[in-house]
N, C-alpha and C. Protein backbone atom coordinates (compact mmCIF):
# COMPACT_ATOMS: atom_id res chain seq x y z
N SER A 1 -34.51 -13.67 -10.64
CA SER A 1 -33.64 -13.28 -11.75
C SER A 1 -32.20 -13.27 -11.27
N SER A 2 -31.27 -13.22 -12.21
CA SER A 2 -29.86 -13.23 -11.83
C SER A 2 -29.48 -11.93 -11.12
N ILE A 3 -30.12 -10.82 -11.48
CA ILE A 3 -29.76 -9.55 -10.84
C ILE A 3 -30.20 -9.54 -9.37
N THR A 4 -31.39 -10.05 -9.07
CA THR A 4 -31.82 -10.07 -7.67
C THR A 4 -31.02 -11.12 -6.89
N GLU A 5 -30.65 -12.20 -7.54
CA GLU A 5 -29.79 -13.19 -6.87
C GLU A 5 -28.43 -12.58 -6.57
N GLY A 6 -27.92 -11.79 -7.50
CA GLY A 6 -26.66 -11.09 -7.28
C GLY A 6 -26.75 -10.12 -6.12
N LEU A 7 -27.86 -9.41 -6.02
CA LEU A 7 -28.07 -8.50 -4.89
C LEU A 7 -28.09 -9.26 -3.58
N ARG A 8 -28.80 -10.38 -3.56
CA ARG A 8 -28.85 -11.21 -2.35
C ARG A 8 -27.45 -11.66 -1.94
N LEU A 9 -26.71 -12.19 -2.91
CA LEU A 9 -25.37 -12.69 -2.62
C LEU A 9 -24.44 -11.57 -2.17
N GLY A 10 -24.58 -10.40 -2.78
CA GLY A 10 -23.76 -9.25 -2.39
C GLY A 10 -24.04 -8.82 -0.96
N CYS A 11 -25.31 -8.78 -0.58
CA CYS A 11 -25.68 -8.42 0.79
C CYS A 11 -25.12 -9.42 1.79
N LEU A 12 -25.23 -10.69 1.47
CA LEU A 12 -24.73 -11.74 2.37
C LEU A 12 -23.20 -11.69 2.47
N ALA A 13 -22.55 -11.43 1.35
CA ALA A 13 -21.08 -11.34 1.35
C ALA A 13 -20.62 -10.16 2.19
N PHE A 14 -21.36 -9.05 2.11
CA PHE A 14 -21.01 -7.88 2.92
C PHE A 14 -21.10 -8.22 4.41
N LEU A 15 -22.18 -8.88 4.81
CA LEU A 15 -22.32 -9.24 6.22
C LEU A 15 -21.21 -10.19 6.65
N GLU A 16 -20.86 -11.12 5.80
CA GLU A 16 -19.79 -12.08 6.11
C GLU A 16 -18.46 -11.33 6.31
N ALA A 17 -18.15 -10.44 5.39
CA ALA A 17 -16.88 -9.70 5.48
C ALA A 17 -16.84 -8.83 6.73
N CYS A 18 -17.97 -8.26 7.08
CA CYS A 18 -17.99 -7.33 8.21
C CYS A 18 -18.04 -8.03 9.56
N SER A 19 -18.05 -9.34 9.57
CA SER A 19 -17.94 -10.06 10.83
C SER A 19 -16.52 -9.94 11.38
N SER A 20 -15.61 -9.46 10.55
CA SER A 20 -14.21 -9.32 10.94
C SER A 20 -13.98 -8.01 11.69
N PRO A 21 -13.38 -8.07 12.87
CA PRO A 21 -13.08 -6.84 13.61
C PRO A 21 -12.17 -5.89 12.83
N GLU A 22 -11.27 -6.43 12.00
CA GLU A 22 -10.36 -5.58 11.22
C GLU A 22 -11.14 -4.77 10.19
N ILE A 23 -12.09 -5.42 9.50
CA ILE A 23 -12.90 -4.73 8.50
C ILE A 23 -13.75 -3.66 9.19
N ARG A 24 -14.32 -4.02 10.34
CA ARG A 24 -15.11 -3.05 11.11
C ARG A 24 -14.28 -1.81 11.40
N GLN A 25 -13.08 -2.03 11.92
CA GLN A 25 -12.23 -0.92 12.33
C GLN A 25 -11.89 -0.02 11.15
N ILE A 26 -11.48 -0.63 10.03
CA ILE A 26 -11.04 0.15 8.87
C ILE A 26 -12.22 0.81 8.16
N ALA A 27 -13.22 0.01 7.81
CA ALA A 27 -14.30 0.49 6.95
C ALA A 27 -15.35 1.32 7.67
N LEU A 28 -15.64 0.98 8.92
CA LEU A 28 -16.78 1.63 9.57
C LEU A 28 -16.40 2.58 10.71
N ILE A 29 -15.17 2.48 11.20
CA ILE A 29 -14.78 3.36 12.30
C ILE A 29 -13.67 4.32 11.86
N ASP A 30 -12.52 3.78 11.44
CA ASP A 30 -11.40 4.65 11.06
C ASP A 30 -11.70 5.45 9.79
N GLY A 31 -12.29 4.79 8.81
CA GLY A 31 -12.57 5.48 7.54
C GLY A 31 -13.34 6.78 7.74
N PRO A 32 -14.53 6.72 8.32
CA PRO A 32 -15.28 7.96 8.53
C PRO A 32 -14.57 8.94 9.47
N SER A 33 -13.86 8.42 10.49
CA SER A 33 -13.18 9.31 11.45
C SER A 33 -12.01 10.05 10.80
N VAL A 34 -11.19 9.31 10.07
CA VAL A 34 -9.99 9.89 9.48
C VAL A 34 -10.32 10.77 8.27
N LEU A 35 -11.18 10.26 7.41
CA LEU A 35 -11.50 10.99 6.18
C LEU A 35 -12.51 12.11 6.40
N GLY A 36 -13.31 11.98 7.44
CA GLY A 36 -14.43 12.90 7.62
C GLY A 36 -15.66 12.29 6.97
N TRP A 37 -16.81 12.58 7.56
CA TRP A 37 -18.07 11.98 7.10
C TRP A 37 -18.35 12.25 5.63
N ALA A 38 -18.17 13.51 5.20
CA ALA A 38 -18.52 13.88 3.82
C ALA A 38 -17.67 13.14 2.80
N VAL A 39 -16.36 13.06 3.06
CA VAL A 39 -15.46 12.36 2.13
C VAL A 39 -15.76 10.86 2.14
N TRP A 40 -15.97 10.31 3.34
CA TRP A 40 -16.28 8.88 3.44
C TRP A 40 -17.56 8.55 2.69
N ARG A 41 -18.59 9.39 2.82
CA ARG A 41 -19.86 9.16 2.12
C ARG A 41 -19.67 9.24 0.61
N LYS A 42 -18.81 10.16 0.15
CA LYS A 42 -18.56 10.29 -1.29
C LYS A 42 -17.89 9.01 -1.81
N ILE A 43 -16.91 8.50 -1.08
CA ILE A 43 -16.24 7.26 -1.49
C ILE A 43 -17.24 6.11 -1.49
N ASP A 44 -18.07 6.02 -0.45
CA ASP A 44 -19.08 4.96 -0.38
C ASP A 44 -20.06 5.08 -1.53
N ALA A 45 -20.45 6.33 -1.88
CA ALA A 45 -21.41 6.54 -2.97
C ALA A 45 -20.84 6.04 -4.30
N GLU A 46 -19.53 6.13 -4.46
CA GLU A 46 -18.88 5.71 -5.71
C GLU A 46 -18.58 4.21 -5.71
N ASN A 47 -18.68 3.57 -4.55
CA ASN A 47 -18.29 2.17 -4.45
C ASN A 47 -19.44 1.32 -3.92
N GLY A 48 -19.43 0.98 -2.64
CA GLY A 48 -20.43 0.08 -2.08
C GLY A 48 -21.87 0.52 -2.29
N PHE A 49 -22.19 1.73 -1.83
CA PHE A 49 -23.56 2.21 -1.99
C PHE A 49 -23.90 2.37 -3.47
N GLY A 50 -22.94 2.88 -4.23
CA GLY A 50 -23.16 3.08 -5.67
C GLY A 50 -23.46 1.76 -6.38
N ALA A 51 -22.71 0.73 -6.04
CA ALA A 51 -22.93 -0.58 -6.66
C ALA A 51 -24.30 -1.14 -6.28
N LEU A 52 -24.67 -0.98 -5.02
CA LEU A 52 -25.98 -1.44 -4.55
C LEU A 52 -27.09 -0.70 -5.30
N CYS A 53 -26.95 0.61 -5.39
CA CYS A 53 -27.94 1.44 -6.08
C CYS A 53 -28.04 1.04 -7.56
N ASP A 54 -26.90 0.86 -8.20
CA ASP A 54 -26.89 0.45 -9.62
C ASP A 54 -27.58 -0.90 -9.80
N GLY A 55 -27.31 -1.84 -8.88
CA GLY A 55 -27.94 -3.16 -8.97
C GLY A 55 -29.45 -3.08 -8.82
N LEU A 56 -29.91 -2.24 -7.90
CA LEU A 56 -31.36 -2.09 -7.71
C LEU A 56 -32.01 -1.38 -8.89
N LYS A 57 -31.31 -0.40 -9.47
CA LYS A 57 -31.85 0.29 -10.66
C LYS A 57 -31.96 -0.70 -11.83
N GLU A 58 -30.93 -1.55 -11.97
CA GLU A 58 -30.96 -2.56 -13.04
C GLU A 58 -32.08 -3.57 -12.79
N ALA A 59 -32.27 -3.97 -11.54
CA ALA A 59 -33.37 -4.89 -11.22
C ALA A 59 -34.71 -4.26 -11.58
N LYS A 60 -34.85 -2.98 -11.34
CA LYS A 60 -36.10 -2.30 -11.70
C LYS A 60 -36.26 -2.27 -13.23
N ARG A 61 -35.16 -1.97 -13.93
CA ARG A 61 -35.22 -1.96 -15.41
C ARG A 61 -35.63 -3.32 -15.95
N GLN A 62 -35.16 -4.38 -15.29
CA GLN A 62 -35.49 -5.74 -15.73
C GLN A 62 -36.84 -6.21 -15.18
N LYS A 63 -37.51 -5.31 -14.48
CA LYS A 63 -38.84 -5.60 -13.93
C LYS A 63 -38.85 -6.74 -12.91
N THR A 64 -37.72 -6.88 -12.19
CA THR A 64 -37.69 -7.86 -11.11
C THR A 64 -37.96 -7.20 -9.76
N LEU A 65 -38.08 -5.87 -9.76
CA LEU A 65 -38.56 -5.14 -8.59
C LEU A 65 -39.95 -4.60 -8.92
N ARG A 66 -40.77 -4.45 -7.91
CA ARG A 66 -42.12 -3.91 -8.12
C ARG A 66 -42.02 -2.55 -8.80
N ALA A 67 -42.98 -2.26 -9.64
CA ALA A 67 -42.98 -1.02 -10.43
C ALA A 67 -42.89 0.23 -9.55
N GLU A 68 -43.54 0.20 -8.37
CA GLU A 68 -43.57 1.39 -7.52
C GLU A 68 -42.32 1.54 -6.65
N THR A 69 -41.40 0.59 -6.73
CA THR A 69 -40.19 0.63 -5.89
C THR A 69 -39.26 1.74 -6.34
N ASP A 70 -38.80 2.54 -5.39
CA ASP A 70 -37.77 3.56 -5.65
C ASP A 70 -36.43 2.92 -5.32
N PRO A 71 -35.62 2.60 -6.33
CA PRO A 71 -34.37 1.89 -6.08
C PRO A 71 -33.40 2.66 -5.17
N VAL A 72 -33.37 3.98 -5.26
CA VAL A 72 -32.46 4.77 -4.44
C VAL A 72 -32.89 4.71 -2.97
N ALA A 73 -34.19 4.85 -2.72
CA ALA A 73 -34.70 4.77 -1.35
C ALA A 73 -34.40 3.39 -0.76
N LEU A 74 -34.63 2.35 -1.55
CA LEU A 74 -34.35 0.99 -1.07
C LEU A 74 -32.86 0.80 -0.81
N ALA A 75 -32.02 1.39 -1.66
CA ALA A 75 -30.57 1.29 -1.46
C ALA A 75 -30.16 1.94 -0.14
N TYR A 76 -30.74 3.09 0.18
CA TYR A 76 -30.43 3.74 1.46
C TYR A 76 -30.83 2.85 2.63
N LEU A 77 -32.01 2.25 2.56
CA LEU A 77 -32.47 1.40 3.65
C LEU A 77 -31.60 0.16 3.81
N LEU A 78 -31.30 -0.50 2.70
CA LEU A 78 -30.45 -1.70 2.76
C LEU A 78 -29.04 -1.35 3.24
N SER A 79 -28.50 -0.25 2.73
CA SER A 79 -27.15 0.16 3.12
C SER A 79 -27.08 0.47 4.61
N GLY A 80 -28.05 1.21 5.10
CA GLY A 80 -28.08 1.53 6.53
C GLY A 80 -28.20 0.28 7.38
N ALA A 81 -29.08 -0.61 6.96
CA ALA A 81 -29.26 -1.86 7.69
C ALA A 81 -27.97 -2.68 7.69
N MET A 82 -27.30 -2.74 6.56
CA MET A 82 -26.08 -3.53 6.48
C MET A 82 -24.94 -2.90 7.29
N ASN A 83 -24.84 -1.57 7.29
CA ASN A 83 -23.79 -0.93 8.07
C ASN A 83 -24.00 -1.17 9.57
N GLU A 84 -25.24 -1.06 10.03
CA GLU A 84 -25.54 -1.33 11.43
C GLU A 84 -25.29 -2.80 11.76
N ALA A 85 -25.67 -3.68 10.86
CA ALA A 85 -25.44 -5.11 11.06
C ALA A 85 -23.93 -5.39 11.15
N ALA A 86 -23.17 -4.73 10.29
CA ALA A 86 -21.72 -4.93 10.29
C ALA A 86 -21.11 -4.51 11.62
N LEU A 87 -21.56 -3.38 12.15
CA LEU A 87 -21.05 -2.93 13.45
C LEU A 87 -21.40 -3.93 14.54
N ALA A 88 -22.64 -4.40 14.53
CA ALA A 88 -23.08 -5.36 15.56
C ALA A 88 -22.34 -6.68 15.42
N LEU A 89 -22.20 -7.18 14.20
CA LEU A 89 -21.58 -8.49 13.98
C LEU A 89 -20.09 -8.52 14.30
N SER A 90 -19.45 -7.38 14.20
CA SER A 90 -18.00 -7.37 14.42
C SER A 90 -17.64 -7.00 15.86
N ASP A 91 -18.64 -6.97 16.73
CA ASP A 91 -18.39 -6.68 18.14
C ASP A 91 -17.47 -7.75 18.72
N PRO A 92 -16.29 -7.35 19.19
CA PRO A 92 -15.34 -8.35 19.69
C PRO A 92 -15.83 -9.08 20.95
N GLN A 93 -16.86 -8.57 21.60
CA GLN A 93 -17.41 -9.22 22.79
C GLN A 93 -18.24 -10.45 22.47
N LEU A 94 -18.66 -10.59 21.20
CA LEU A 94 -19.51 -11.73 20.82
C LEU A 94 -18.69 -13.01 20.73
N SER A 95 -19.26 -14.09 21.20
CA SER A 95 -18.64 -15.39 20.98
C SER A 95 -18.91 -15.79 19.53
N LYS A 96 -18.18 -16.79 19.07
CA LYS A 96 -18.38 -17.26 17.69
C LYS A 96 -19.81 -17.73 17.48
N SER A 97 -20.38 -18.45 18.45
CA SER A 97 -21.75 -18.95 18.28
C SER A 97 -22.76 -17.80 18.34
N GLN A 98 -22.53 -16.81 19.20
CA GLN A 98 -23.43 -15.65 19.25
C GLN A 98 -23.39 -14.90 17.92
N ARG A 99 -22.17 -14.73 17.38
CA ARG A 99 -22.02 -14.02 16.10
C ARG A 99 -22.73 -14.78 14.98
N GLY A 100 -22.60 -16.10 14.96
CA GLY A 100 -23.27 -16.90 13.93
C GLY A 100 -24.78 -16.80 14.02
N LYS A 101 -25.29 -16.88 15.22
CA LYS A 101 -26.74 -16.79 15.42
C LYS A 101 -27.26 -15.41 15.01
N LEU A 102 -26.54 -14.36 15.41
CA LEU A 102 -26.93 -13.00 15.06
C LEU A 102 -26.88 -12.80 13.55
N ARG A 103 -25.82 -13.30 12.91
CA ARG A 103 -25.69 -13.12 11.46
C ARG A 103 -26.82 -13.84 10.72
N ARG A 104 -27.17 -15.04 11.15
CA ARG A 104 -28.27 -15.76 10.49
C ARG A 104 -29.58 -14.99 10.62
N ALA A 105 -29.83 -14.42 11.80
CA ALA A 105 -31.06 -13.64 12.00
C ALA A 105 -31.05 -12.39 11.13
N MET A 106 -29.91 -11.73 11.04
CA MET A 106 -29.80 -10.52 10.22
C MET A 106 -29.92 -10.84 8.74
N GLU A 107 -29.32 -11.93 8.31
CA GLU A 107 -29.43 -12.34 6.91
C GLU A 107 -30.89 -12.58 6.55
N ALA A 108 -31.61 -13.28 7.42
CA ALA A 108 -33.02 -13.56 7.16
C ALA A 108 -33.82 -12.26 7.05
N ALA A 109 -33.55 -11.31 7.94
CA ALA A 109 -34.27 -10.03 7.92
C ALA A 109 -33.93 -9.23 6.66
N LEU A 110 -32.66 -9.21 6.31
CA LEU A 110 -32.22 -8.47 5.12
C LEU A 110 -32.83 -9.06 3.85
N LEU A 111 -32.80 -10.39 3.74
CA LEU A 111 -33.37 -11.04 2.56
C LEU A 111 -34.88 -10.85 2.51
N SER A 112 -35.53 -10.82 3.66
CA SER A 112 -36.99 -10.56 3.70
C SER A 112 -37.29 -9.15 3.20
N MET A 113 -36.44 -8.19 3.61
CA MET A 113 -36.65 -6.81 3.16
C MET A 113 -36.51 -6.72 1.64
N LEU A 114 -35.48 -7.35 1.11
CA LEU A 114 -35.27 -7.32 -0.34
C LEU A 114 -36.42 -8.04 -1.05
N ALA A 115 -36.84 -9.18 -0.52
CA ALA A 115 -37.92 -9.96 -1.14
C ALA A 115 -39.24 -9.18 -1.16
N ALA A 116 -39.46 -8.33 -0.18
CA ALA A 116 -40.71 -7.56 -0.12
C ALA A 116 -40.87 -6.64 -1.32
N PHE A 117 -39.78 -6.30 -1.98
CA PHE A 117 -39.84 -5.39 -3.12
C PHE A 117 -39.72 -6.09 -4.47
N GLU A 118 -39.54 -7.41 -4.43
CA GLU A 118 -39.43 -8.15 -5.69
C GLU A 118 -40.78 -8.24 -6.39
N ALA A 119 -40.71 -8.20 -7.71
CA ALA A 119 -41.94 -8.28 -8.51
C ALA A 119 -42.42 -9.73 -8.59
């Protein structure tokens, strides 16, 4: 469905953006450090995590996710996986080819996780 395709594309776009050391520094390191964990989580809940959660809830409403799927639980798992992937992918020690190989492996794993819950 278009909603699950949108979720796939959103997850892949997030990983692509987070391959940047600047994005890593601002979004995943400075943001939580400067704002504090609670404030950072609130902002994330209203934006990235919130959008992911809304997309999964809509996919469930459209019956493109399995009936027993809890969209909020799945959103937490996907969000955590993507945040960890972003930290790993933006490691300045990685060569361009290492980063590409790692991102392809992570994309495959992320898409497999999402596909496991599709109806």
